[in-house]
Every structure is written in structure tokens, then in C-alpha cells.
Amino acid sequence: MDGGVSYEPSECWAKDWHKAHDYIVKAMQRSPGNDTLEDLFLALTDGRAQLWVGKESAVVTVCIGKTFTLWLAGGKLRELEQMLPAVENLAKEFGAEQIQVFGRRGWEHSFLEPAGYKPRWTILEKSLWDL
């Protein structure tokens, strides 16, 4: 860890949102799917999602069933790497059996690869409104 910094989900995501806003909005713009800020805020408000805020990065996680997902992440890769053990620990506390990461192909060769994460699927998409 960086100088004894510990990472954990925000206790009050609304209070910490200003620190995470730019990182998470940028991640949403690059993420697959059509999730909106309204979707994100609803998931954070009802407790389905967790906001993690660092000094120079932010992550949103969500646990559905036995799958814990790093839904959105942005900022400094080094800090995101430092957050990973705490994220994995929370996944275990939630009873998750696996962790998934959604992101661009570049994530396949980031700090996640040496941590044991492997590509599993390829997503093909077609917008019905681009016809």
C-alpha cells in the first residue's frame, strides 16, 4: 500500500461524489452498455453499488448474487492497483465466488493480469439506432 493508506467503500457516497465525479463519468463514457448517472446513483443509494475514492482515482463496485463486479474505474493505475486487495476482501465478505472487471481491452494487460485476472468473454454489440 501507499504510505499506509487503506481503502474502503465510501460511507456516504453523496458526500464523496465530488472527488469521484470526473473519474467515474469518464469511465462511464468508455464503458459498454448504456448505464446513466441516474442508474449509478440509484445503485449507490439503494446499496447495490459501492463507491471507492482514492486521492487520484475512483472505483464503483457492485455485487449481484455470487459475482462481485468492478463496474467503473478511473484515475491513476497505480492507485487502482493498490485498491484491489481491499476490493477483493469486500467481495469475499459479500460471499462472492468470482470477481469480474468490465473495461476496455487494455485492462487485460494491466496490473490485473499478474493478479490472476484472465479474459473470459468478448462482447459484440450493435446499436439499433445506428441503422
Foldseek 3Di string as FASTA:
>chain_A
DPPPDAKDFDPDCVVVCVQAVVFQVVQQVQFPDDDDVVNVVVCVVVVQWTWIGDNFKIWIWGDDDQEIEREGIGGDLVVVLVHVVVSVVVSVVVNHPYYYYTGDPVVQPGSVVVVPDHDDDDDDDDDPVVD
